[in-house]
PDB file of N, CA and C in Angstrom:
ATOM      1  N   MET A   1     -13.758  12.940  -8.946  1.00  0.00           N
ATOM      2  CA  MET A   1     -12.862  14.128  -8.331  1.00  0.00           C
ATOM      3  C   MET A   1     -12.238  13.828  -7.926  1.00  0.00           C
ATOM      4  N   VAL A   2     -11.218  14.737  -7.577  1.00  0.00           N
ATOM      5  CA  VAL A   2     -10.124  14.502  -7.126  1.00  0.00           C
ATOM      6  C   VAL A   2      -9.957  15.019  -5.713  1.00  0.00           C
ATOM      7  N   GLU A   3      -9.398  14.611  -4.747  1.00  0.00           N
ATOM      8  CA  GLU A   3      -8.832  14.472  -3.013  1.00  0.00           C
ATOM      9  C   GLU A   3      -7.950  15.772  -3.309  1.00  0.00           C
ATOM     10  N   SER A   4      -8.319  16.844  -2.653  1.00  0.00           N
ATOM     11  CA  SER A   4      -7.048  17.583  -1.489  1.00  0.00           C
ATOM     12  C   SER A   4      -5.752  16.806  -0.982  1.00  0.00           C
ATOM     13  N   LYS A   5      -4.327  16.683  -0.836  1.00  0.00           N
ATOM     14  CA  LYS A   5      -4.098  16.365   0.068  1.00  0.00           C
ATOM     15  C   LYS A   5      -4.156  16.976   1.577  1.00  0.00           C
ATOM     16  N   ASN A   6      -5.162  17.557   1.504  1.00  0.00           N
ATOM     17  CA  ASN A   6      -5.017  17.682   2.839  1.00  0.00           C
ATOM     18  C   ASN A   6      -5.868  17.691   3.587  1.00  0.00           C
ATOM     19  N   ASN A   7      -7.658  16.946   2.175  1.00  0.00           N
ATOM     20  CA  ASN A   7      -8.943  15.878   2.418  1.00  0.00           C
ATOM     21  C   ASN A   7      -8.059  14.513   2.816  1.00  0.00           C
ATOM     22  N   LEU A   8      -7.170  14.197   2.041  1.00  0.00           N
ATOM     23  CA  LEU A   8      -6.411  12.674   2.247  1.00  0.00           C
ATOM     24  C   LEU A   8      -5.704  12.197   3.555  1.00  0.00           C
ATOM     25  N   ARG A   9      -5.292  13.929   4.538  1.00  0.00           N
ATOM     26  CA  ARG A   9      -4.588  13.549   5.477  1.00  0.00           C
ATOM     27  C   ARG A   9      -5.515  13.683   6.570  1.00  0.00           C
ATOM     28  N   ASN A  10      -6.951  13.917   6.253  1.00  0.00           N
ATOM     29  CA  ASN A  10      -7.777  13.498   7.423  1.00  0.00           C
ATOM     30  C   ASN A  10      -8.282  12.265   7.643  1.00  0.00           C
ATOM     31  N   LEU A  11      -7.684  11.470   6.884  1.00  0.00           N
ATOM     32  CA  LEU A  11      -8.485  10.379   6.701  1.00  0.00           C
ATOM     33  C   LEU A  11      -8.028   9.031   7.410  1.00  0.00           C
ATOM     34  N   SER A  12      -8.479   8.013   8.364  1.00  0.00           N
ATOM     35  CA  SER A  12      -7.983   7.193   8.922  1.00  0.00           C
ATOM     36  C   SER A  12      -7.210   6.180   7.428  1.00  0.00           C
ATOM     37  N   GLU A  13      -5.285   5.889   8.232  1.00  0.00           N
ATOM     38  CA  GLU A  13      -5.055   5.079   8.059  1.00  0.00           C
ATOM     39  C   GLU A  13      -4.455   3.258   8.613  1.00  0.00           C
ATOM     40  N   ILE A  14      -4.853   2.577   7.061  1.00  0.00           N
ATOM     41  CA  ILE A  14      -4.431   1.269   7.322  1.00  0.00           C
ATOM     42  C   ILE A  14      -3.654   0.578   7.185  1.00  0.00           C
ATOM     43  N   PRO A  15      -2.798  -0.557   7.900  1.00  0.00           N
ATOM     44  CA  PRO A  15      -1.983  -1.064   6.844  1.00  0.00           C
ATOM     45  C   PRO A  15      -2.478  -1.609   5.301  1.00  0.00           C
ATOM     46  N   ILE A  16      -1.556  -2.347   4.253  1.00  0.00           N
ATOM     47  CA  ILE A  16      -2.313  -2.774   3.244  1.00  0.00           C
ATOM     48  C   ILE A  16      -3.501  -4.207   3.633  1.00  0.00           C
ATOM     49  N   ASN A  17      -2.238  -4.740   4.296  1.00  0.00           N
ATOM     50  CA  ASN A  17      -2.831  -6.098   4.216  1.00  0.00           C
ATOM     51  C   ASN A  17      -4.388  -6.407   4.798  1.00  0.00           C
ATOM     52  N   ASN A  18      -4.547  -5.683   5.156  1.00  0.00           N
ATOM     53  CA  ASN A  18      -6.455  -4.870   5.842  1.00  0.00           C
ATOM     54  C   ASN A  18      -7.193  -4.460   4.639  1.00  0.00           C
ATOM     55  N   ILE A  19      -7.012  -4.528   2.953  1.00  0.00           N
ATOM     56  CA  ILE A  19      -7.318  -3.904   2.213  1.00  0.00           C
ATOM     57  C   ILE A  19      -7.982  -4.970   1.627  1.00  0.00           C
ATOM     58  N   PRO A  20      -9.290  -5.023   1.105  1.00  0.00           N
ATOM     59  CA  PRO A  20     -10.105  -6.332  -0.331  1.00  0.00           C
ATOM     60  C   PRO A  20      -9.076  -6.497  -0.738  1.00  0.00           C
ATOM     61  N   LEU A  21      -9.738  -6.808  -1.003  1.00  0.00           N
ATOM     62  CA  LEU A  21      -9.118  -7.858  -2.647  1.00  0.00           C
ATOM     63  C   LEU A  21      -9.625  -6.708  -4.035  1.00  0.00           C
ATOM     64  N   ASP A  22      -9.056  -6.118  -4.863  1.00  0.00           N
ATOM     65  CA  ASP A  22      -9.302  -5.549  -5.860  1.00  0.00           C
ATOM     66  C   ASP A  22      -9.997  -4.702  -6.005  1.00  0.00           C
ATOM     67  N   THR A  23      -9.403  -4.103  -4.243  1.00  0.00           N
ATOM     68  CA  THR A  23      -9.022  -2.071  -4.282  1.00  0.00           C
ATOM     69  C   THR A  23      -8.293  -1.254  -4.452  1.00  0.00           C
ATOM     70  N   ILE A  24      -8.677  -0.351  -5.285  1.00  0.00           N
ATOM     71  CA  ILE A  24      -7.112   0.969  -5.225  1.00  0.00           C
ATOM     72  C   ILE A  24      -7.283   1.381  -4.555  1.00  0.00           C
ATOM     73  N   VAL A  25      -6.416   1.605  -3.600  1.00  0.00           N
ATOM     74  CA  VAL A  25      -5.960   2.785  -2.102  1.00  0.00           C
ATOM     75  C   VAL A  25      -4.328   3.330  -2.885  1.00  0.00           C
ATOM     76  N   THR A  26      -4.405   4.905  -2.196  1.00  0.00           N
ATOM     77  CA  THR A  26      -3.535   5.605  -1.895  1.00  0.00           C
ATOM     78  C   THR A  26      -2.642   5.418  -0.960  1.00  0.00           C
ATOM     79  N   VAL A  27      -1.019   5.184  -0.951  1.00  0.00           N
ATOM     80  CA  VAL A  27      -0.006   5.169  -0.147  1.00  0.00           C
ATOM     81  C   VAL A  27      -0.478   6.675   0.873  1.00  0.00           C
ATOM     82  N   SER A  28       0.073   6.414   2.044  1.00  0.00           N
ATOM     83  CA  SER A  28      -0.238   7.264   3.220  1.00  0.00           C
ATOM     84  C   SER A  28       1.591   7.819   3.043  1.00  0.00           C
ATOM     85  N   HIS A  29       2.125   6.509   3.951  1.00  0.00           N
ATOM     86  CA  HIS A  29       3.481   6.495   4.416  1.00  0.00           C
ATOM     87  C   HIS A  29       3.997   5.096   4.864  1.00  0.00           C
ATOM     88  N   ILE A  30       5.049   5.183   4.632  1.00  0.00           N
ATOM     89  CA  ILE A  30       6.172   3.478   5.319  1.00  0.00           C
ATOM     90  C   ILE A  30       6.075   4.181   6.407  1.00  0.00           C
ATOM     91  N   ARG A  31       5.792   3.045   7.420  1.00  0.00           N
ATOM     92  CA  ARG A  31       6.818   3.073   8.647  1.00  0.00           C
ATOM     93  C   ARG A  31       7.022   1.038   8.832  1.00  0.00           C
ATOM     94  N   ALA A  32       9.043   1.888   8.560  1.00  0.00           N
ATOM     95  CA  ALA A  32      10.196   0.671   8.138  1.00  0.00           C
ATOM     96  C   ALA A  32      11.026   1.588   8.381  1.00  0.00           C
ATOM     97  N   GLY A  33      12.119   0.553   8.940  1.00  0.00           N
ATOM     98  CA  GLY A  33      13.266   1.279   8.767  1.00  0.00           C
ATOM     99  C   GLY A  33      14.057   1.530   7.445  1.00  0.00           C
ATOM    100  N   LEU A  34      15.107   2.392   7.509  1.00  0.00           N
ATOM    101  CA  LEU A  34      16.073   2.613   6.185  1.00  0.00           C
ATOM    102  C   LEU A  34      15.583   1.888   5.194  1.00  0.00           C
ATOM    103  N   LYS A  35      16.158   0.661   5.166  1.00  0.00           N
ATOM    104  CA  LYS A  35      16.286  -0.814   4.538  1.00  0.00           C
ATOM    105  C   LYS A  35      15.101  -1.037   3.916  1.00  0.00           C
ATOM    106  N   ALA A  36      13.777  -1.090   4.630  1.00  0.00           N
ATOM    107  CA  ALA A  36      12.907  -1.671   4.506  1.00  0.00           C
ATOM    108  C   ALA A  36      12.233  -0.524   3.310  1.00  0.00           C
ATOM    109  N   THR A  37      12.652   0.960   3.769  1.00  0.00           N
ATOM    110  CA  THR A  37      12.018   2.305   3.242  1.00  0.00           C
ATOM    111  C   THR A  37      12.359   1.836   1.925  1.00  0.00           C
ATOM    112  N   GLN A  38      13.831   1.570   1.785  1.00  0.00           N
ATOM    113  CA  GLN A  38      14.616   1.957   0.413  1.00  0.00           C
ATOM    114  C   GLN A  38      14.303   0.523  -0.470  1.00  0.00           C
ATOM    115  N   ARG A  39      13.727  -0.253  -0.096  1.00  0.00           N
ATOM    116  CA  ARG A  39      13.254  -1.620  -0.610  1.00  0.00           C
ATOM    117  C   ARG A  39      12.275  -1.420  -1.301  1.00  0.00           C
ATOM    118  N   LEU A  40      11.215  -0.643  -0.384  1.00  0.00           N
ATOM    119  CA  LEU A  40       9.966  -0.201  -1.061  1.00  0.00           C
ATOM    120  C   LEU A  40      10.212   0.947  -2.258  1.00  0.00           C
ATOM    121  N   SER A  41      11.159   2.066  -1.506  1.00  0.00           N
ATOM    122  CA  SER A  41      11.222   3.044  -3.269  1.00  0.00           C
ATOM    123  C   SER A  41      11.709   2.701  -3.928  1.00  0.00           C
ATOM    124  N   GLY A  42      12.575   1.448  -4.594  1.00  0.00           N
ATOM    125  CA  GLY A  42      13.414   1.154  -5.629  1.00  0.00           C
ATOM    126  C   GLY A  42      12.165   0.151  -6.035  1.00  0.00           C
ATOM    127  N   MET A  43      10.812  -0.153  -5.617  1.00  0.00           N
ATOM    128  CA  MET A  43      10.209  -1.324  -6.570  1.00  0.00           C
ATOM    129  C   MET A  43       8.457  -0.234  -6.689  1.00  0.00           C
ATOM    130  N   GLY A  44       8.467   1.470  -6.173  1.00  0.00           N
ATOM    131  CA  GLY A  44       7.545   2.278  -6.509  1.00  0.00           C
ATOM    132  C   GLY A  44       6.589   2.533  -5.502  1.00  0.00           C
ATOM    133  N   ILE A  45       6.973   2.213  -4.226  1.00  0.00           N
ATOM    134  CA  ILE A  45       5.937   1.935  -3.414  1.00  0.00           C
ATOM    135  C   ILE A  45       6.632   2.618  -2.782  1.00  0.00           C
ATOM    136  N   THR A  46       6.048   4.904  -2.833  1.00  0.00           N
ATOM    137  CA  THR A  46       6.199   5.687  -2.138  1.00  0.00           C
ATOM    138  C   THR A  46       4.775   7.055  -2.052  1.00  0.00           C
ATOM    139  N   PRO A  47       4.848   7.209  -0.498  1.00  0.00           N
ATOM    140  CA  PRO A  47       3.966   8.034  -0.237  1.00  0.00           C
ATOM    141  C   PRO A  47       3.433   8.619  -1.721  1.00  0.00           C
ATOM    142  N   GLY A  48       1.840   8.567  -1.785  1.00  0.00           N
ATOM    143  CA  GLY A  48       1.080   9.203  -2.675  1.00  0.00           C
ATOM    144  C   GLY A  48       0.658   8.361  -4.146  1.00  0.00           C
ATOM    145  N   VAL A  49       1.204   7.092  -4.084  1.00  0.00           N
ATOM    146  CA  VAL A  49       1.221   6.749  -5.343  1.00  0.00           C
ATOM    147  C   VAL A  49      -0.010   5.344  -5.230  1.00  0.00           C
ATOM    148  N   GLN A  50      -0.665   5.298  -6.308  1.00  0.00           N
ATOM    149  CA  GLN A  50      -2.009   4.225  -6.107  1.00  0.00           C
ATOM    150  C   GLN A  50      -1.522   2.553  -6.462  1.00  0.00           C
ATOM    151  N   ILE A  51      -2.302   1.541  -5.153  1.00  0.00           N
ATOM    152  CA  ILE A  51      -2.089   0.345  -5.146  1.00  0.00           C
ATOM    153  C   ILE A  51      -3.273   0.017  -5.441  1.00  0.00           C
ATOM    154  N   LYS A  52      -2.852  -1.043  -6.638  1.00  0.00           N
ATOM    155  CA  LYS A  52      -4.246  -2.344  -6.512  1.00  0.00           C
ATOM    156  C   LYS A  52      -3.935  -3.786  -5.304  1.00  0.00           C
ATOM    157  N   VAL A  53      -4.868  -4.403  -4.631  1.00  0.00           N
ATOM    158  CA  VAL A  53      -4.339  -5.532  -4.239  1.00  0.00           C
ATOM    159  C   VAL A  53      -5.039  -6.361  -5.130  1.00  0.00           C
ATOM    160  N   ILE A  54      -4.582  -7.267  -5.298  1.00  0.00           N
ATOM    161  CA  ILE A  54      -4.929  -8.423  -6.439  1.00  0.00           C
ATOM    162  C   ILE A  54      -5.234  -9.543  -5.746  1.00  0.00           C
ATOM    163  N   SER A  55      -4.152 -10.438  -4.982  1.00  0.00           N
ATOM    164  CA  SER A  55      -4.399 -11.395  -4.046  1.00  0.00           C
ATOM    165  C   SER A  55      -3.818 -11.264  -2.769  1.00  0.00           C
ATOM    166  N   GLN A  56      -4.041 -12.104  -1.833  1.00  0.00           N
ATOM    167  CA  GLN A  56      -2.975 -12.553  -0.491  1.00  0.00           C
ATOM    168  C   GLN A  56      -3.589 -13.611  -0.419  1.00  0.00           C
ATOM    169  N   ALA A  57      -2.298 -14.404   0.026  1.00  0.00           N
ATOM    170  CA  ALA A  57      -2.118 -15.220   0.389  1.00  0.00           C
ATOM    171  C   ALA A  57      -3.244 -15.282   1.934  1.00  0.00           C
ATOM    172  N   PRO A  58      -3.280 -16.871   2.083  1.00  0.00           N
ATOM    173  CA  PRO A  58      -3.556 -17.209   3.659  1.00  0.00           C
ATOM    174  C   PRO A  58      -2.461 -17.442   4.624  1.00  0.00           C
ATOM    175  N   PHE A  59      -2.794 -17.340   5.979  1.00  0.00           N
ATOM    176  CA  PHE A  59      -1.755 -17.349   6.510  1.00  0.00           C
ATOM    177  C   PHE A  59      -1.054 -16.763   6.785  1.00  0.00           C
ATOM    178  N   ARG A  60      -0.931 -15.530   5.997  1.00  0.00           N
ATOM    179  CA  ARG A  60       0.512 -14.259   6.636  1.00  0.00           C
ATOM    180  C   ARG A  60       0.971 -14.568   5.101  1.00  0.00           C
ATOM    181  N   GLY A  61       0.368 -15.212   4.326  1.00  0.00           N
ATOM    182  CA  GLY A  61       1.228 -15.654   2.844  1.00  0.00           C
ATOM    183  C   GLY A  61       1.983 -13.942   2.223  1.00  0.00           C
ATOM    184  N   PRO A  62       2.118 -14.086   1.091  1.00  0.00           N
ATOM    185  CA  PRO A  62       2.771 -12.866   0.543  1.00  0.00           C
ATOM    186  C   PRO A  62       1.375 -11.942  -0.357  1.00  0.00           C
ATOM    187  N   ILE A  63       0.798 -10.511  -0.398  1.00  0.00           N
ATOM    188  CA  ILE A  63      -0.049  -9.614  -1.092  1.00  0.00           C
ATOM    189  C   ILE A  63       0.947 -10.248  -2.022  1.00  0.00           C
ATOM    190  N   GLN A  64      -0.113  -9.373  -3.322  1.00  0.00           N
ATOM    191  CA  GLN A  64       0.330  -9.378  -4.728  1.00  0.00           C
ATOM    192  C   GLN A  64      -0.826  -8.243  -5.129  1.00  0.00           C
ATOM    193  N   ILE A  65      -0.023  -6.835  -5.024  1.00  0.00           N
ATOM    194  CA  ILE A  65      -0.365  -5.772  -5.976  1.00  0.00           C
ATOM    195  C   ILE A  65      -0.097  -5.205  -6.888  1.00  0.00           C
ATOM    196  N   ILE A  66      -0.908  -4.056  -7.853  1.00  0.00           N
ATOM    197  CA  ILE A  66      -0.148  -3.539  -8.859  1.00  0.00           C
ATOM    198  C   ILE A  66      -0.421  -1.908  -8.391  1.00  0.00           C
ATOM    199  N   VAL A  67       1.134  -2.002  -8.502  1.00  0.00           N
ATOM    200  CA  VAL A  67       1.433  -0.454  -8.461  1.00  0.00           C
ATOM    201  C   VAL A  67       2.956   0.097  -9.846  1.00  0.00           C
ATOM    202  N   ARG A  68       1.734   1.679 -10.858  1.00  0.00           N
ATOM    203  CA  ARG A  68       2.658   1.812 -11.207  1.00  0.00           C
ATOM    204  C   ARG A  68       2.634   1.348 -12.803  1.00  0.00           C
ATOM    205  N   GLY A  69       1.658   0.874 -12.833  1.00  0.00           N
ATOM    206  CA  GLY A  69       1.496  -0.762 -13.573  1.00  0.00           C
ATOM    207  C   GLY A  69       2.099  -2.339 -14.185  1.00  0.00           C
ATOM    208  N   THR A  70       2.574  -2.155 -12.783  1.00  0.00           N
ATOM    209  CA  THR A  70       3.684  -3.328 -12.341  1.00  0.00           C
ATOM    210  C   THR A  70       2.990  -4.620 -11.396  1.00  0.00           C
ATOM    211  N   ARG A  71       2.803  -5.824 -11.670  1.00  0.00           N
ATOM    212  CA  ARG A  71       2.679  -6.295 -10.866  1.00  0.00           C
ATOM    213  C   ARG A  71       3.687  -7.127  -9.434  1.00  0.00           C
ATOM    214  N   LEU A  72       3.445  -6.793  -8.208  1.00  0.00           N
ATOM    215  CA  LEU A  72       4.449  -7.288  -7.632  1.00  0.00           C
ATOM    216  C   LEU A  72       3.961  -8.294  -6.343  1.00  0.00           C
ATOM    217  N   ALA A  73       4.753  -9.390  -5.789  1.00  0.00           N
ATOM    218  CA  ALA A  73       4.309  -9.893  -4.740  1.00  0.00           C
ATOM    219  C   ALA A  73       4.736  -9.248  -3.567  1.00  0.00           C
ATOM    220  N   ILE A  74       4.321  -8.961  -1.892  1.00  0.00           N
ATOM    221  CA  ILE A  74       5.344  -8.581  -1.191  1.00  0.00           C
ATOM    222  C   ILE A  74       4.998  -9.581   0.139  1.00  0.00           C
ATOM    223  N   GLY A  75       6.497  -9.936   1.116  1.00  0.00           N
ATOM    224  CA  GLY A  75       5.883 -11.150   1.944  1.00  0.00           C
ATOM    225  C   GLY A  75       5.061 -10.147   3.113  1.00  0.00           C
ATOM    226  N   ALA A  76       4.120 -10.519   3.875  1.00  0.00           N
ATOM    227  CA  ALA A  76       3.288 -10.115   5.156  1.00  0.00           C
ATOM    228  C   ALA A  76       3.613  -9.197   5.775  1.00  0.00           C
ATOM    229  N   GLY A  77       5.194  -9.137   6.252  1.00  0.00           N
ATOM    230  CA  GLY A  77       5.931  -8.521   6.664  1.00  0.00           C
ATOM    231  C   GLY A  77       6.257  -6.904   6.703  1.00  0.00           C
ATOM    232  N   LEU A  78       6.668  -7.043   5.042  1.00  0.00           N
ATOM    233  CA  LEU A  78       6.932  -6.006   4.562  1.00  0.00           C
ATOM    234  C   LEU A  78       5.177  -5.078   4.353  1.00  0.00           C
ATOM    235  N   ALA A  79       4.051  -5.934   4.147  1.00  0.00           N
ATOM    236  CA  ALA A  79       3.252  -5.052   3.679  1.00  0.00           C
ATOM    237  C   ALA A  79       3.028  -4.831   4.654  1.00  0.00           C
ATOM    238  N   MET A  80       2.709  -4.841   6.176  1.00  0.00           N
ATOM    239  CA  MET A  80       2.449  -4.194   7.401  1.00  0.00           C
ATOM    240  C   MET A  80       3.046  -3.215   7.381  1.00  0.00           C
ATOM    241  N   LYS A  81       4.036  -2.705   7.098  1.00  0.00           N
ATOM    242  CA  LYS A  81       4.254  -0.953   7.029  1.00  0.00           C
ATOM    243  C   LYS A  81       4.114  -0.758   5.639  1.00  0.00           C
ATOM    244  N   ILE A  82       3.294  -0.871   5.198  1.00  0.00           N
ATOM    245  CA  ILE A  82       3.066  -0.142   4.086  1.00  0.00           C
ATOM    246  C   ILE A  82       1.361   0.572   4.639  1.00  0.00           C
ATOM    247  N   PHE A  83       1.021   2.004   4.688  1.00  0.00           N
ATOM    248  CA  PHE A  83       0.188   2.278   4.988  1.00  0.00           C
ATOM    249  C   PHE A  83      -0.762   2.972   3.936  1.00  0.00           C
ATOM    250  N   VAL A  84      -1.824   2.402   4.632  1.00  0.00           N
ATOM    251  CA  VAL A  84      -2.821   3.930   2.913  1.00  0.00           C
ATOM    252  C   VAL A  84      -3.810   4.079   3.024  1.00  0.00           C
ATOM    253  N   TYR A  85      -4.521   5.215   3.039  1.00  0.00           N
ATOM    254  CA  TYR A  85      -5.323   5.852   3.185  1.00  0.00           C
ATOM    255  C   TYR A  85      -6.797   5.670   2.961  1.00  0.00           C
ATOM    256  N   ASN A  86      -7.810   4.989   3.967  1.00  0.00           N
ATOM    257  CA  ASN A  86      -8.733   4.259   4.451  1.00  0.00           C
ATOM    258  C   ASN A  86      -9.953   4.880   3.010  1.00  0.00           C
ATOM    259  N   ASN A  87      -9.598   4.712   2.588  1.00  0.00           N
ATOM    260  CA  ASN A  87     -10.523   5.610   0.883  1.00  0.00           C
ATOM    261  C   ASN A  87     -10.911   4.701   0.093  1.00  0.00           C
ATOM    262  N   PHE A  88     -11.368   3.428   0.483  1.00  0.00           N
ATOM    263  CA  PHE A  88     -11.480   2.492  -0.881  1.00  0.00           C
ATOM    264  C   PHE A  88     -12.263   2.889  -1.766  1.00  0.00           C
ATOM    265  N   HIS A  89     -11.729   2.571  -3.492  1.00  0.00           N
ATOM    266  CA  HIS A  89     -13.171   3.191  -4.316  1.00  0.00           C
ATOM    267  C   HIS A  89     -12.045   1.753  -5.034  1.00  0.00           C
TER     268      HIS A  89
END
């Protein structure tokens, strides 16, 4: 079942750091300044894209994700700026 954008807007949003491992989520928005937003956009992380969280280092270490078929590692500070819909599947 495909959810419409209106349904997605009604879901709660949380930072990607709080997502369980092996979970696929949809980016709702980026809450960051221009440089960080541009950097994330350059990596393919934009609103509406799906991301799978594959690992997270302890003690606020980097988080590894798969986005658009590419595996990326993102620092905890930058990852906290990526908000996703709380519709785990």
